[in-house]
């Protein structure tokens, strides 16, 4: 299990990116995630514009496991290549998250920032 604590996400200056931005905050030394893998992660997500947290596995007190293929495109593109033990920040524009404003999800039209700790690859 991860010895890490919930990450703090710093406010990002400047305009919202139009493409996925991947930043390794810590590089892990475990197994590498590949497209289509099942992954176990801890994560926190905030809105780029307001900095307001909208979701966090840390807040629920437990990690979550799921197949990458079932996630938003920003996660499908942003997690492969990451290694177990690593912490990665993804800045995801609406097209790779929940679509344009009015697409029916409460986060539609929003650029999202996630910090993800990769705990396990299956």
PDB file of N, CA and C in Angstrom:
ATOM      1  N   UNK A   1       0.842  -1.188   0.000  1.00  0.00           N
ATOM      2  CA  UNK A   1       0.000   0.000   0.000  1.00  0.00           C
ATOM      3  C   UNK A   1       0.879   1.240   0.000  1.00  0.00           C
ATOM      4  N   UNK A   2       0.367   2.300  -0.536  1.00  0.00           N
ATOM      5  CA  UNK A   2       1.132   3.535  -0.677  1.00  0.00           C
ATOM      6  C   UNK A   2       1.396   4.187   0.677  1.00  0.00           C
ATOM      7  N   UNK A   3       2.616   4.680   0.840  1.00  0.00           N
ATOM      8  CA  UNK A   3       2.988   5.422   2.044  1.00  0.00           C
ATOM      9  C   UNK A   3       2.772   6.917   1.819  1.00  0.00           C
ATOM     10  N   UNK A   4       2.328   7.270   0.639  1.00  0.00           N
ATOM     11  CA  UNK A   4       2.164   8.675   0.281  1.00  0.00           C
ATOM     12  C   UNK A   4       0.932   9.260   0.953  1.00  0.00           C
ATOM     13  N   UNK A   5       0.906  10.570   0.998  1.00  0.00           N
ATOM     14  CA  UNK A   5      -0.255  11.280   1.512  1.00  0.00           C
ATOM     15  C   UNK A   5      -0.944  11.996   0.367  1.00  0.00           C
ATOM     16  N   UNK A   6      -2.152  12.434   0.616  1.00  0.00           N
ATOM     17  CA  UNK A   6      -2.927  13.135  -0.409  1.00  0.00           C
ATOM     18  C   UNK A   6      -2.135  14.323  -0.945  1.00  0.00           C
ATOM     19  N   UNK A   7      -2.020  14.419  -2.258  1.00  0.00           N
ATOM     20  CA  UNK A   7      -1.253  15.519  -2.836  1.00  0.00           C
ATOM     21  C   UNK A   7      -1.991  16.856  -2.748  1.00  0.00           C
ATOM     22  N   UNK A   8      -1.207  17.907  -2.677  1.00  0.00           N
ATOM     23  CA  UNK A   8      -1.739  19.261  -2.814  1.00  0.00           C
ATOM     24  C   UNK A   8      -1.525  19.649  -4.270  1.00  0.00           C
ATOM     25  N   UNK A   9      -2.532  20.207  -4.893  1.00  0.00           N
ATOM     26  CA  UNK A   9      -2.401  20.611  -6.289  1.00  0.00           C
ATOM     27  C   UNK A   9      -2.236  22.122  -6.342  1.00  0.00           C
ATOM     28  N   UNK A  10      -1.113  22.541  -6.901  1.00  0.00           N
ATOM     29  CA  UNK A  10      -0.826  23.968  -7.012  1.00  0.00           C
ATOM     30  C   UNK A  10      -1.624  24.570  -8.159  1.00  0.00           C
ATOM     31  N   UNK A  11      -2.045  25.807  -7.967  1.00  0.00           N
ATOM     32  CA  UNK A  11      -2.757  26.536  -9.011  1.00  0.00           C
ATOM     33  C   UNK A  11      -1.810  26.732 -10.191  1.00  0.00           C
ATOM     34  N   UNK A  12      -2.297  26.499 -11.399  1.00  0.00           N
ATOM     35  CA  UNK A  12      -1.485  26.640 -12.604  1.00  0.00           C
ATOM     36  C   UNK A  12      -1.798  27.989 -13.249  1.00  0.00           C
ATOM     37  N   UNK A  13      -0.764  28.783 -13.438  1.00  0.00           N
ATOM     38  CA  UNK A  13      -0.927  30.097 -14.071  1.00  0.00           C
ATOM     39  C   UNK A  13      -1.083  29.939 -15.574  1.00  0.00           C
ATOM     40  N   UNK A  14      -1.749  30.909 -16.187  1.00  0.00           N
ATOM     41  CA  UNK A  14      -1.840  30.941 -17.639  1.00  0.00           C
ATOM     42  C   UNK A  14      -3.117  30.320 -18.164  1.00  0.00           C
ATOM     43  N   UNK A  15      -3.210  30.285 -19.483  1.00  0.00           N
ATOM     44  CA  UNK A  15      -4.425  29.764 -20.117  1.00  0.00           C
ATOM     45  C   UNK A  15      -4.542  28.253 -19.978  1.00  0.00           C
ATOM     46  N   UNK A  16      -5.758  27.772 -20.097  1.00  0.00           N
ATOM     47  CA  UNK A  16      -6.001  26.335 -20.060  1.00  0.00           C
ATOM     48  C   UNK A  16      -5.362  25.699 -21.290  1.00  0.00           C
ATOM     49  N   UNK A  17      -4.675  24.574 -21.133  1.00  0.00           N
ATOM     50  CA  UNK A  17      -4.060  23.924 -22.296  1.00  0.00           C
ATOM     51  C   UNK A  17      -5.119  23.318 -23.208  1.00  0.00           C
ATOM     52  N   UNK A  18      -4.781  23.241 -24.477  1.00  0.00           N
ATOM     53  CA  UNK A  18      -5.696  22.654 -25.450  1.00  0.00           C
ATOM     54  C   UNK A  18      -5.395  21.176 -25.686  1.00  0.00           C
ATOM     55  N   UNK A  19      -4.253  20.705 -25.172  1.00  0.00           N
ATOM     56  CA  UNK A  19      -3.868  19.305 -25.302  1.00  0.00           C
ATOM     57  C   UNK A  19      -3.549  18.750 -23.920  1.00  0.00           C
ATOM     58  N   UNK A  20      -3.532  17.436 -23.818  1.00  0.00           N
ATOM     59  CA  UNK A  20      -3.185  16.757 -22.580  1.00  0.00           C
ATOM     60  C   UNK A  20      -1.769  17.138 -22.159  1.00  0.00           C
ATOM     61  N   UNK A  21      -1.599  17.514 -20.878  1.00  0.00           N
ATOM     62  CA  UNK A  21      -0.282  17.831 -20.334  1.00  0.00           C
ATOM     63  C   UNK A  21       0.025  16.798 -19.249  1.00  0.00           C
ATOM     64  N   UNK A  22       1.122  16.060 -19.434  1.00  0.00           N
ATOM     65  CA  UNK A  22       1.533  15.002 -18.513  1.00  0.00           C
ATOM     66  C   UNK A  22       2.811  15.441 -17.814  1.00  0.00           C
ATOM     67  N   UNK A  23       2.782  15.422 -16.486  1.00  0.00           N
ATOM     68  CA  UNK A  23       3.957  15.794 -15.700  1.00  0.00           C
ATOM     69  C   UNK A  23       4.195  14.717 -14.647  1.00  0.00           C
ATOM     70  N   UNK A  24       5.368  14.089 -14.687  1.00  0.00           N
ATOM     71  CA  UNK A  24       5.723  13.135 -13.646  1.00  0.00           C
ATOM     72  C   UNK A  24       6.240  13.903 -12.443  1.00  0.00           C
ATOM     73  N   UNK A  25       5.524  13.788 -11.323  1.00  0.00           N
ATOM     74  CA  UNK A  25       5.932  14.434 -10.083  1.00  0.00           C
ATOM     75  C   UNK A  25       6.911  13.543  -9.333  1.00  0.00           C
ATOM     76  N   UNK A  26       6.717  12.232  -9.444  1.00  0.00           N
ATOM     77  CA  UNK A  26       7.632  11.220  -8.917  1.00  0.00           C
ATOM     78  C   UNK A  26       7.612  10.063  -9.895  1.00  0.00           C
ATOM     79  N   UNK A  27       8.778   9.547 -10.254  1.00  0.00           N
ATOM     80  CA  UNK A  27       8.852   8.413 -11.166  1.00  0.00           C
ATOM     81  C   UNK A  27       8.937   7.142 -10.330  1.00  0.00           C
ATOM     82  N   UNK A  28       8.034   6.215 -10.610  1.00  0.00           N
ATOM     83  CA  UNK A  28       8.034   4.951  -9.887  1.00  0.00           C
ATOM     84  C   UNK A  28       9.060   3.984 -10.454  1.00  0.00           C
ATOM     85  N   UNK A  29       9.292   2.894  -9.735  1.00  0.00           N
ATOM     86  CA  UNK A  29      10.248   1.895 -10.205  1.00  0.00           C
ATOM     87  C   UNK A  29       9.605   0.519 -10.342  1.00  0.00           C
ATOM     88  N   UNK A  30       8.293   0.461 -10.296  1.00  0.00           N
ATOM     89  CA  UNK A  30       7.574  -0.811 -10.424  1.00  0.00           C
ATOM     90  C   UNK A  30       7.144  -1.086 -11.849  1.00  0.00           C
ATOM     91  N   UNK A  31       6.155  -1.958 -11.981  1.00  0.00           N
ATOM     92  CA  UNK A  31       5.628  -2.352 -13.290  1.00  0.00           C
ATOM     93  C   UNK A  31       5.084  -1.136 -14.038  1.00  0.00           C
ATOM     94  N   UNK A  32       5.221  -1.156 -15.354  1.00  0.00           N
ATOM     95  CA  UNK A  32       4.753  -0.056 -16.192  1.00  0.00           C
ATOM     96  C   UNK A  32       3.334  -0.313 -16.676  1.00  0.00           C
ATOM     97  N   UNK A  33       2.491   0.695 -16.557  1.00  0.00           N
ATOM     98  CA  UNK A  33       1.114   0.595 -17.056  1.00  0.00           C
ATOM     99  C   UNK A  33       1.107   0.669 -18.575  1.00  0.00           C
ATOM    100  N   UNK A  34       0.287  -0.191 -19.189  1.00  0.00           N
ATOM    101  CA  UNK A  34       0.149  -0.201 -20.632  1.00  0.00           C
ATOM    102  C   UNK A  34      -1.327  -0.008 -20.993  1.00  0.00           C
ATOM    103  N   UNK A  35      -1.607   0.472 -22.203  1.00  0.00           N
ATOM    104  CA  UNK A  35      -3.009   0.644 -22.605  1.00  0.00           C
ATOM    105  C   UNK A  35      -3.778  -0.662 -22.399  1.00  0.00           C
ATOM    106  N   UNK A  36      -4.968  -0.552 -21.839  1.00  0.00           N
ATOM    107  CA  UNK A  36      -5.816  -1.722 -21.632  1.00  0.00           C
ATOM    108  C   UNK A  36      -5.605  -2.442 -20.315  1.00  0.00           C
ATOM    109  N   UNK A  37      -4.552  -2.079 -19.559  1.00  0.00           N
ATOM    110  CA  UNK A  37      -4.321  -2.707 -18.255  1.00  0.00           C
ATOM    111  C   UNK A  37      -5.412  -2.309 -17.270  1.00  0.00           C
ATOM    112  N   UNK A  38      -5.534  -3.119 -16.203  1.00  0.00           N
ATOM    113  CA  UNK A  38      -6.294  -2.719 -15.020  1.00  0.00           C
ATOM    114  C   UNK A  38      -5.302  -2.050 -14.092  1.00  0.00           C
ATOM    115  N   UNK A  39      -5.698  -0.950 -13.492  1.00  0.00           N
ATOM    116  CA  UNK A  39      -4.800  -0.230 -12.595  1.00  0.00           C
ATOM    117  C   UNK A  39      -5.485   0.044 -11.267  1.00  0.00           C
ATOM    118  N   UNK A  40      -4.679   0.096 -10.217  1.00  0.00           N
ATOM    119  CA  UNK A  40      -5.153   0.534  -8.916  1.00  0.00           C
ATOM    120  C   UNK A  40      -4.456   1.849  -8.625  1.00  0.00           C
ATOM    121  N   UNK A  41      -5.257   2.862  -8.293  1.00  0.00           N
ATOM    122  CA  UNK A  41      -4.718   4.209  -8.103  1.00  0.00           C
ATOM    123  C   UNK A  41      -5.338   4.891  -6.890  1.00  0.00           C
ATOM    124  N   UNK A  42      -4.631   5.889  -6.421  1.00  0.00           N
ATOM    125  CA  UNK A  42      -5.188   6.915  -5.543  1.00  0.00           C
ATOM    126  C   UNK A  42      -5.123   8.183  -6.386  1.00  0.00           C
ATOM    127  N   UNK A  43      -6.134   9.037  -6.301  1.00  0.00           N
ATOM    128  CA  UNK A  43      -6.112  10.240  -7.126  1.00  0.00           C
ATOM    129  C   UNK A  43      -6.909  11.355  -6.461  1.00  0.00           C
ATOM    130  N   UNK A  44      -6.631  12.556  -6.920  1.00  0.00           N
ATOM    131  CA  UNK A  44      -7.428  13.719  -6.567  1.00  0.00           C
ATOM    132  C   UNK A  44      -7.629  14.521  -7.850  1.00  0.00           C
ATOM    133  N   UNK A  45      -8.829  15.055  -8.017  1.00  0.00           N
ATOM    134  CA  UNK A  45      -9.136  15.851  -9.198  1.00  0.00           C
ATOM    135  C   UNK A  45      -9.655  17.217  -8.808  1.00  0.00           C
ATOM    136  N   UNK A  46      -9.142  18.247  -9.503  1.00  0.00           N
ATOM    137  CA  UNK A  46      -9.607  19.616  -9.267  1.00  0.00           C
ATOM    138  C   UNK A  46      -9.922  20.285 -10.594  1.00  0.00           C
ATOM    139  N   UNK A  47     -10.761  21.292 -10.524  1.00  0.00           N
ATOM    140  CA  UNK A  47     -11.113  22.108 -11.686  1.00  0.00           C
ATOM    141  C   UNK A  47      -9.962  23.076 -11.961  1.00  0.00           C
ATOM    142  N   UNK A  48      -9.521  23.157 -13.216  1.00  0.00           N
ATOM    143  CA  UNK A  48      -8.398  24.020 -13.588  1.00  0.00           C
ATOM    144  C   UNK A  48      -8.677  25.487 -13.246  1.00  0.00           C
ATOM    145  N   UNK A  49      -9.871  25.949 -13.589  1.00  0.00           N
ATOM    146  CA  UNK A  49     -10.198  27.370 -13.438  1.00  0.00           C
ATOM    147  C   UNK A  49     -10.353  27.785 -11.978  1.00  0.00           C
ATOM    148  N   UNK A  50     -11.107  27.004 -11.208  1.00  0.00           N
ATOM    149  CA  UNK A  50     -11.417  27.410  -9.832  1.00  0.00           C
ATOM    150  C   UNK A  50     -10.487  26.794  -8.791  1.00  0.00           C
ATOM    151  N   UNK A  51      -9.864  25.679  -9.148  1.00  0.00           N
ATOM    152  CA  UNK A  51      -9.042  24.955  -8.170  1.00  0.00           C
ATOM    153  C   UNK A  51      -9.864  24.124  -7.200  1.00  0.00           C
ATOM    154  N   UNK A  52     -11.182  24.096  -7.390  1.00  0.00           N
ATOM    155  CA  UNK A  52     -12.065  23.347  -6.488  1.00  0.00           C
ATOM    156  C   UNK A  52     -11.932  21.846  -6.730  1.00  0.00           C
ATOM    157  N   UNK A  53     -11.784  21.086  -5.642  1.00  0.00           N
ATOM    158  CA  UNK A  53     -11.708  19.639  -5.744  1.00  0.00           C
ATOM    159  C   UNK A  53     -13.101  19.096  -6.072  1.00  0.00           C
ATOM    160  N   UNK A  54     -13.184  18.200  -7.067  1.00  0.00           N
ATOM    161  CA  UNK A  54     -14.469  17.594  -7.415  1.00  0.00           C
ATOM    162  C   UNK A  54     -14.507  16.102  -7.131  1.00  0.00           C
ATOM    163  N   UNK A  55     -13.344  15.478  -6.940  1.00  0.00           N
ATOM    164  CA  UNK A  55     -13.334  14.049  -6.663  1.00  0.00           C
ATOM    165  C   UNK A  55     -11.987  13.671  -6.072  1.00  0.00           C
ATOM    166  N   UNK A  56     -11.998  12.657  -5.195  1.00  0.00           N
ATOM    167  CA  UNK A  56     -10.759  12.200  -4.582  1.00  0.00           C
ATOM    168  C   UNK A  56     -10.944  10.819  -3.965  1.00  0.00           C
ATOM    169  N   UNK A  57     -10.119   9.871  -4.390  1.00  0.00           N
ATOM    170  CA  UNK A  57     -10.136   8.569  -3.728  1.00  0.00           C
ATOM    171  C   UNK A  57      -9.615   8.724  -2.294  1.00  0.00           C
ATOM    172  N   UNK A  58      -8.735   9.701  -2.088  1.00  0.00           N
ATOM    173  CA  UNK A  58      -8.221   9.969  -0.742  1.00  0.00           C
ATOM    174  C   UNK A  58      -9.378  10.339   0.182  1.00  0.00           C
ATOM    175  N   UNK A  59     -10.325  11.129  -0.332  1.00  0.00           N
ATOM    176  CA  UNK A  59     -11.470  11.553   0.456  1.00  0.00           C
ATOM    177  C   UNK A  59     -12.362  10.394   0.870  1.00  0.00           C
ATOM    178  N   UNK A  60     -12.366   9.340   0.058  1.00  0.00           N
ATOM    179  CA  UNK A  60     -13.158   8.149   0.378  1.00  0.00           C
ATOM    180  C   UNK A  60     -12.369   7.174   1.247  1.00  0.00           C
ATOM    181  N   UNK A  61     -11.070   7.457   1.420  1.00  0.00           N
ATOM    182  CA  UNK A  61     -10.255   6.629   2.303  1.00  0.00           C
ATOM    183  C   UNK A  61      -9.806   5.313   1.718  1.00  0.00           C
ATOM    184  N   UNK A  62      -9.958   5.141   0.398  1.00  0.00           N
ATOM    185  CA  UNK A  62      -9.475   3.912  -0.220  1.00  0.00           C
ATOM    186  C   UNK A  62      -9.165   4.126  -1.691  1.00  0.00           C
ATOM    187  N   UNK A  63      -8.182   3.362  -2.155  1.00  0.00           N
ATOM    188  CA  UNK A  63      -7.811   3.423  -3.564  1.00  0.00           C
ATOM    189  C   UNK A  63      -8.923   2.798  -4.399  1.00  0.00           C
ATOM    190  N   UNK A  64      -8.786   2.914  -5.716  1.00  0.00           N
ATOM    191  CA  UNK A  64      -9.788   2.359  -6.620  1.00  0.00           C
ATOM    192  C   UNK A  64      -9.068   1.617  -7.740  1.00  0.00           C
ATOM    193  N   UNK A  65      -9.686   0.533  -8.210  1.00  0.00           N
ATOM    194  CA  UNK A  65      -9.123  -0.254  -9.301  1.00  0.00           C
ATOM    195  C   UNK A  65     -10.122  -0.291 -10.441  1.00  0.00           C
ATOM    196  N   UNK A  66      -9.617  -0.165 -11.671  1.00  0.00           N
ATOM    197  CA  UNK A  66     -10.491  -0.203 -12.839  1.00  0.00           C
ATOM    198  C   UNK A  66      -9.672  -0.436 -14.103  1.00  0.00           C
ATOM    199  N   UNK A  67     -10.338  -0.877 -15.185  1.00  0.00           N
ATOM    200  CA  UNK A  67      -9.638  -1.017 -16.467  1.00  0.00           C
ATOM    201  C   UNK A  67      -9.465   0.359 -17.108  1.00  0.00           C
ATOM    202  N   UNK A  68      -8.274   0.623 -17.635  1.00  0.00           N
ATOM    203  CA  UNK A  68      -8.027   1.908 -18.297  1.00  0.00           C
ATOM    204  C   UNK A  68      -9.002   2.154 -19.442  1.00  0.00           C
ATOM    205  N   UNK A  69      -9.393   1.080 -20.133  1.00  0.00           N
ATOM    206  CA  UNK A  69     -10.266   1.228 -21.302  1.00  0.00           C
ATOM    207  C   UNK A  69     -11.614   1.857 -20.950  1.00  0.00           C
ATOM    208  N   UNK A  70     -12.014   1.804 -19.671  1.00  0.00           N
ATOM    209  CA  UNK A  70     -13.311   2.339 -19.291  1.00  0.00           C
ATOM    210  C   UNK A  70     -13.282   3.771 -18.807  1.00  0.00           C
ATOM    211  N   UNK A  71     -12.130   4.430 -18.916  1.00  0.00           N
ATOM    212  CA  UNK A  71     -11.973   5.767 -18.340  1.00  0.00           C
ATOM    213  C   UNK A  71     -11.999   6.861 -19.395  1.00  0.00           C
ATOM    214  N   UNK A  72     -12.017   8.103 -18.927  1.00  0.00           N
ATOM    215  CA  UNK A  72     -11.965   9.223 -19.865  1.00  0.00           C
ATOM    216  C   UNK A  72     -10.673   9.147 -20.668  1.00  0.00           C
ATOM    217  N   UNK A  73     -10.693   9.704 -21.863  1.00  0.00           N
ATOM    218  CA  UNK A  73      -9.552   9.614 -22.778  1.00  0.00           C
ATOM    219  C   UNK A  73      -8.266  10.163 -22.158  1.00  0.00           C
ATOM    220  N   UNK A  74      -8.366  11.222 -21.371  1.00  0.00           N
ATOM    221  CA  UNK A  74      -7.174  11.796 -20.750  1.00  0.00           C
ATOM    222  C   UNK A  74      -6.451  10.806 -19.853  1.00  0.00           C
ATOM    223  N   UNK A  75      -7.199   9.947 -19.164  1.00  0.00           N
ATOM    224  CA  UNK A  75      -6.579   8.903 -18.332  1.00  0.00           C
ATOM    225  C   UNK A  75      -6.049   7.776 -19.218  1.00  0.00           C
ATOM    226  N   UNK A  76      -6.812   7.410 -20.259  1.00  0.00           N
ATOM    227  CA  UNK A  76      -6.370   6.339 -21.161  1.00  0.00           C
ATOM    228  C   UNK A  76      -5.052   6.705 -21.834  1.00  0.00           C
ATOM    229  N   UNK A  77      -4.867   7.990 -22.138  1.00  0.00           N
ATOM    230  CA  UNK A  77      -3.639   8.452 -22.786  1.00  0.00           C
ATOM    231  C   UNK A  77      -2.559   8.821 -21.776  1.00  0.00           C
ATOM    232  N   UNK A  78      -2.965   9.252 -20.585  1.00  0.00           N
ATOM    233  CA  UNK A  78      -2.017   9.814 -19.628  1.00  0.00           C
ATOM    234  C   UNK A  78      -1.406   8.841 -18.639  1.00  0.00           C
ATOM    235  N   UNK A  79      -2.012   7.673 -18.430  1.00  0.00           N
ATOM    236  CA  UNK A  79      -1.477   6.716 -17.454  1.00  0.00           C
ATOM    237  C   UNK A  79      -0.478   5.734 -18.071  1.00  0.00           C
ATOM    238  N   UNK A  80      -0.698   5.237 -19.311  1.00  0.00           N
ATOM    239  CA  UNK A  80       0.300   4.321 -19.877  1.00  0.00           C
ATOM    240  C   UNK A  80       1.702   4.956 -19.875  1.00  0.00           C
ATOM    241  N   UNK A  81       2.674   4.120 -19.540  1.00  0.00           N
ATOM    242  CA  UNK A  81       4.050   4.600 -19.423  1.00  0.00           C
ATOM    243  C   UNK A  81       4.421   4.946 -17.992  1.00  0.00           C
ATOM    244  N   UNK A  82       3.410   5.120 -17.167  1.00  0.00           N
ATOM    245  CA  UNK A  82       3.638   5.398 -15.748  1.00  0.00           C
ATOM    246  C   UNK A  82       4.030   4.101 -15.051  1.00  0.00           C
ATOM    247  N   UNK A  83       4.888   4.195 -14.029  1.00  0.00           N
ATOM    248  CA  UNK A  83       5.329   3.017 -13.295  1.00  0.00           C
ATOM    249  C   UNK A  83       4.750   3.008 -11.881  1.00  0.00           C
ATOM    250  N   UNK A  84       4.485   1.800 -11.376  1.00  0.00           N
ATOM    251  CA  UNK A  84       3.983   1.640 -10.011  1.00  0.00           C
ATOM    252  C   UNK A  84       4.934   2.353  -9.054  1.00  0.00           C
ATOM    253  N   UNK A  85       4.354   3.085  -8.123  1.00  0.00           N
ATOM    254  CA  UNK A  85       5.124   3.883  -7.180  1.00  0.00           C
ATOM    255  C   UNK A  85       5.252   5.326  -7.610  1.00  0.00           C
ATOM    256  N   UNK A  86       4.835   5.627  -8.834  1.00  0.00           N
ATOM    257  CA  UNK A  86       4.940   6.979  -9.362  1.00  0.00           C
ATOM    258  C   UNK A  86       3.732   7.840  -9.036  1.00  0.00           C
ATOM    259  N   UNK A  87       3.939   9.141  -9.161  1.00  0.00           N
ATOM    260  CA  UNK A  87       2.868  10.135  -9.003  1.00  0.00           C
ATOM    261  C   UNK A  87       2.929  11.027 -10.229  1.00  0.00           C
ATOM    262  N   UNK A  88       1.794  11.157 -10.918  1.00  0.00           N
ATOM    263  CA  UNK A  88       1.738  11.890 -12.178  1.00  0.00           C
ATOM    264  C   UNK A  88       0.588  12.878 -12.145  1.00  0.00           C
ATOM    265  N   UNK A  89       0.846  14.050 -12.696  1.00  0.00           N
ATOM    266  CA  UNK A  89      -0.212  15.056 -12.852  1.00  0.00           C
ATOM    267  C   UNK A  89      -0.658  15.086 -14.308  1.00  0.00           C
ATOM    268  N   UNK A  90      -1.973  15.055 -14.499  1.00  0.00           N
ATOM    269  CA  UNK A  90      -2.565  15.172 -15.829  1.00  0.00           C
ATOM    270  C   UNK A  90      -3.425  16.430 -15.864  1.00  0.00           C
ATOM    271  N   UNK A  91      -3.199  17.287 -16.862  1.00  0.00           N
ATOM    272  CA  UNK A  91      -4.075  18.426 -17.101  1.00  0.00           C
ATOM    273  C   UNK A  91      -4.828  18.077 -18.388  1.00  0.00           C
ATOM    274  N   UNK A  92      -6.148  17.919 -18.236  1.00  0.00           N
ATOM    275  CA  UNK A  92      -6.960  17.322 -19.294  1.00  0.00           C
ATOM    276  C   UNK A  92      -7.985  18.327 -19.816  1.00  0.00           C
ATOM    277  N   UNK A  93      -7.875  18.704 -21.108  1.00  0.00           N
ATOM    278  CA  UNK A  93      -8.874  19.604 -21.689  1.00  0.00           C
ATOM    279  C   UNK A  93     -10.220  18.895 -21.847  1.00  0.00           C
ATOM    280  N   UNK A  94     -11.305  19.655 -21.989  1.00  0.00           N
ATOM    281  CA  UNK A  94     -12.651  19.068 -22.055  1.00  0.00           C
ATOM    282  C   UNK A  94     -12.806  17.951 -23.087  1.00  0.00           C
ATOM    283  N   UNK A  95     -12.154  18.087 -24.247  1.00  0.00           N
ATOM    284  CA  UNK A  95     -12.322  17.084 -25.305  1.00  0.00           C
ATOM    285  C   UNK A  95     -11.823  15.708 -24.872  1.00  0.00           C
ATOM    286  N   UNK A  96     -10.875  15.666 -23.923  1.00  0.00           N
ATOM    287  CA  UNK A  96     -10.336  14.396 -23.442  1.00  0.00           C
ATOM    288  C   UNK A  96     -10.886  14.030 -22.068  1.00  0.00           C
ATOM    289  N   UNK A  97     -11.833  14.851 -21.579  1.00  0.00           N
ATOM    290  CA  UNK A  97     -12.451  14.604 -20.268  1.00  0.00           C
ATOM    291  C   UNK A  97     -13.923  14.266 -20.481  1.00  0.00           C
ATOM    292  N   UNK A  98     -14.815  15.211 -20.182  1.00  0.00           N
ATOM    293  CA  UNK A  98     -16.250  14.933 -20.265  1.00  0.00           C
ATOM    294  C   UNK A  98     -16.948  15.685 -21.382  1.00  0.00           C
ATOM    295  N   UNK A  99     -16.170  16.142 -22.377  1.00  0.00           N
ATOM    296  CA  UNK A  99     -16.749  16.757 -23.554  1.00  0.00           C
ATOM    297  C   UNK A  99     -17.028  18.237 -23.387  1.00  0.00           C
ATOM    298  N   UNK A 100     -17.556  18.855 -24.446  1.00  0.00           N
ATOM    299  CA  UNK A 100     -17.816  20.287 -24.419  1.00  0.00           C
ATOM    300  C   UNK A 100     -18.940  20.648 -23.453  1.00  0.00           C
ATOM    301  N   UNK A 101     -18.986  21.902 -23.119  1.00  0.00           N
ATOM    302  CA  UNK A 101     -20.044  22.382 -22.233  1.00  0.00           C
ATOM    303  C   UNK A 101     -21.394  21.972 -22.802  1.00  0.00           C
ATOM    304  N   UNK A 102     -22.280  21.501 -21.936  1.00  0.00           N
ATOM    305  CA  UNK A 102     -23.596  21.076 -22.371  1.00  0.00           C
ATOM    306  C   UNK A 102     -23.663  19.617 -22.784  1.00  0.00           C
ATOM    307  N   UNK A 103     -22.566  18.856 -22.588  1.00  0.00           N
ATOM    308  CA  UNK A 103     -22.542  17.455 -23.007  1.00  0.00           C
ATOM    309  C   UNK A 103     -23.262  16.527 -22.028  1.00  0.00           C
ATOM    310  N   UNK A 104     -23.793  17.089 -20.941  1.00  0.00           N
ATOM    311  CA  UNK A 104     -24.612  16.280 -20.054  1.00  0.00           C
ATOM    312  C   UNK A 104     -23.954  15.828 -18.762  1.00  0.00           C
ATOM    313  N   UNK A 105     -22.672  16.058 -18.598  1.00  0.00           N
ATOM    314  CA  UNK A 105     -21.986  15.706 -17.350  1.00  0.00           C
ATOM    315  C   UNK A 105     -21.721  17.008 -16.590  1.00  0.00           C
ATOM    316  N   UNK A 106     -21.728  16.938 -15.255  1.00  0.00           N
ATOM    317  CA  UNK A 106     -21.525  18.166 -14.474  1.00  0.00           C
ATOM    318  C   UNK A 106     -20.160  18.808 -14.721  1.00  0.00           C
ATOM    319  N   UNK A 107     -19.199  18.029 -15.252  1.00  0.00           N
ATOM    320  CA  UNK A 107     -17.867  18.564 -15.546  1.00  0.00           C
ATOM    321  C   UNK A 107     -17.647  18.833 -17.036  1.00  0.00           C
ATOM    322  N   UNK A 108     -18.707  18.724 -17.837  1.00  0.00           N
ATOM    323  CA  UNK A 108     -18.591  19.024 -19.266  1.00  0.00           C
ATOM    324  C   UNK A 108     -18.108  20.458 -19.447  1.00  0.00           C
ATOM    325  N   UNK A 109     -17.197  20.632 -20.401  1.00  0.00           N
ATOM    326  CA  UNK A 109     -16.681  21.962 -20.710  1.00  0.00           C
ATOM    327  C   UNK A 109     -15.571  22.421 -19.777  1.00  0.00           C
ATOM    328  N   UNK A 110     -15.183  21.574 -18.809  1.00  0.00           N
ATOM    329  CA  UNK A 110     -14.171  21.963 -17.824  1.00  0.00           C
ATOM    330  C   UNK A 110     -12.831  21.308 -18.141  1.00  0.00           C
ATOM    331  N   UNK A 111     -11.752  22.072 -17.952  1.00  0.00           N
ATOM    332  CA  UNK A 111     -10.406  21.502 -17.979  1.00  0.00           C
ATOM    333  C   UNK A 111     -10.132  20.994 -16.574  1.00  0.00           C
ATOM    334  N   UNK A 112      -9.635  19.759 -16.484  1.00  0.00           N
ATOM    335  CA  UNK A 112      -9.476  19.092 -15.193  1.00  0.00           C
ATOM    336  C   UNK A 112      -8.005  18.796 -14.916  1.00  0.00           C
ATOM    337  N   UNK A 113      -7.643  18.850 -13.643  1.00  0.00           N
ATOM    338  CA  UNK A 113      -6.303  18.469 -13.210  1.00  0.00           C
ATOM    339  C   UNK A 113      -6.445  17.282 -12.266  1.00  0.00           C
ATOM    340  N   UNK A 114      -5.711  16.225 -12.557  1.00  0.00           N
ATOM    341  CA  UNK A 114      -5.672  15.062 -11.683  1.00  0.00           C
ATOM    342  C   UNK A 114      -4.233  14.825 -11.250  1.00  0.00           C
ATOM    343  N   UNK A 115      -4.047  14.455  -9.986  1.00  0.00           N
ATOM    344  CA  UNK A 115      -2.778  13.900  -9.544  1.00  0.00           C
ATOM    345  C   UNK A 115      -3.065  12.458  -9.174  1.00  0.00           C
ATOM    346  N   UNK A 116      -2.327  11.559  -9.795  1.00  0.00           N
ATOM    347  CA  UNK A 116      -2.584  10.121  -9.713  1.00  0.00           C
ATOM    348  C   UNK A 116      -1.358   9.401  -9.152  1.00  0.00           C
ATOM    349  N   UNK A 117      -1.572   8.583  -8.136  1.00  0.00           N
ATOM    350  CA  UNK A 117      -0.546   7.675  -7.630  1.00  0.00           C
ATOM    351  C   UNK A 117      -0.868   6.292  -8.155  1.00  0.00           C
ATOM    352  N   UNK A 118       0.064   5.693  -8.899  1.00  0.00           N
ATOM    353  CA  UNK A 118      -0.145   4.347  -9.423  1.00  0.00           C
ATOM    354  C   UNK A 118       0.326   3.330  -8.397  1.00  0.00           C
ATOM    355  N   UNK A 119      -0.614   2.546  -7.870  1.00  0.00           N
ATOM    356  CA  UNK A 119      -0.320   1.587  -6.815  1.00  0.00           C
ATOM    357  C   UNK A 119      -0.064   0.182  -7.330  1.00  0.00           C
ATOM    358  N   UNK A 120      -0.774  -0.180  -8.428  1.00  0.00           N
ATOM    359  CA  UNK A 120      -0.661  -1.555  -8.930  1.00  0.00           C
ATOM    360  C   UNK A 120      -1.143  -1.618 -10.365  1.00  0.00           C
ATOM    361  N   UNK A 121      -0.534  -2.513 -11.136  1.00  0.00           N
ATOM    362  CA  UNK A 121      -0.960  -2.797 -12.501  1.00  0.00           C
ATOM    363  C   UNK A 121      -1.333  -4.273 -12.555  1.00  0.00           C
ATOM    364  N   UNK A 122      -2.483  -4.576 -13.138  1.00  0.00           N
ATOM    365  CA  UNK A 122      -2.920  -5.971 -13.222  1.00  0.00           C
ATOM    366  C   UNK A 122      -3.134  -6.359 -14.680  1.00  0.00           C
TER     367      UNK A 122
END
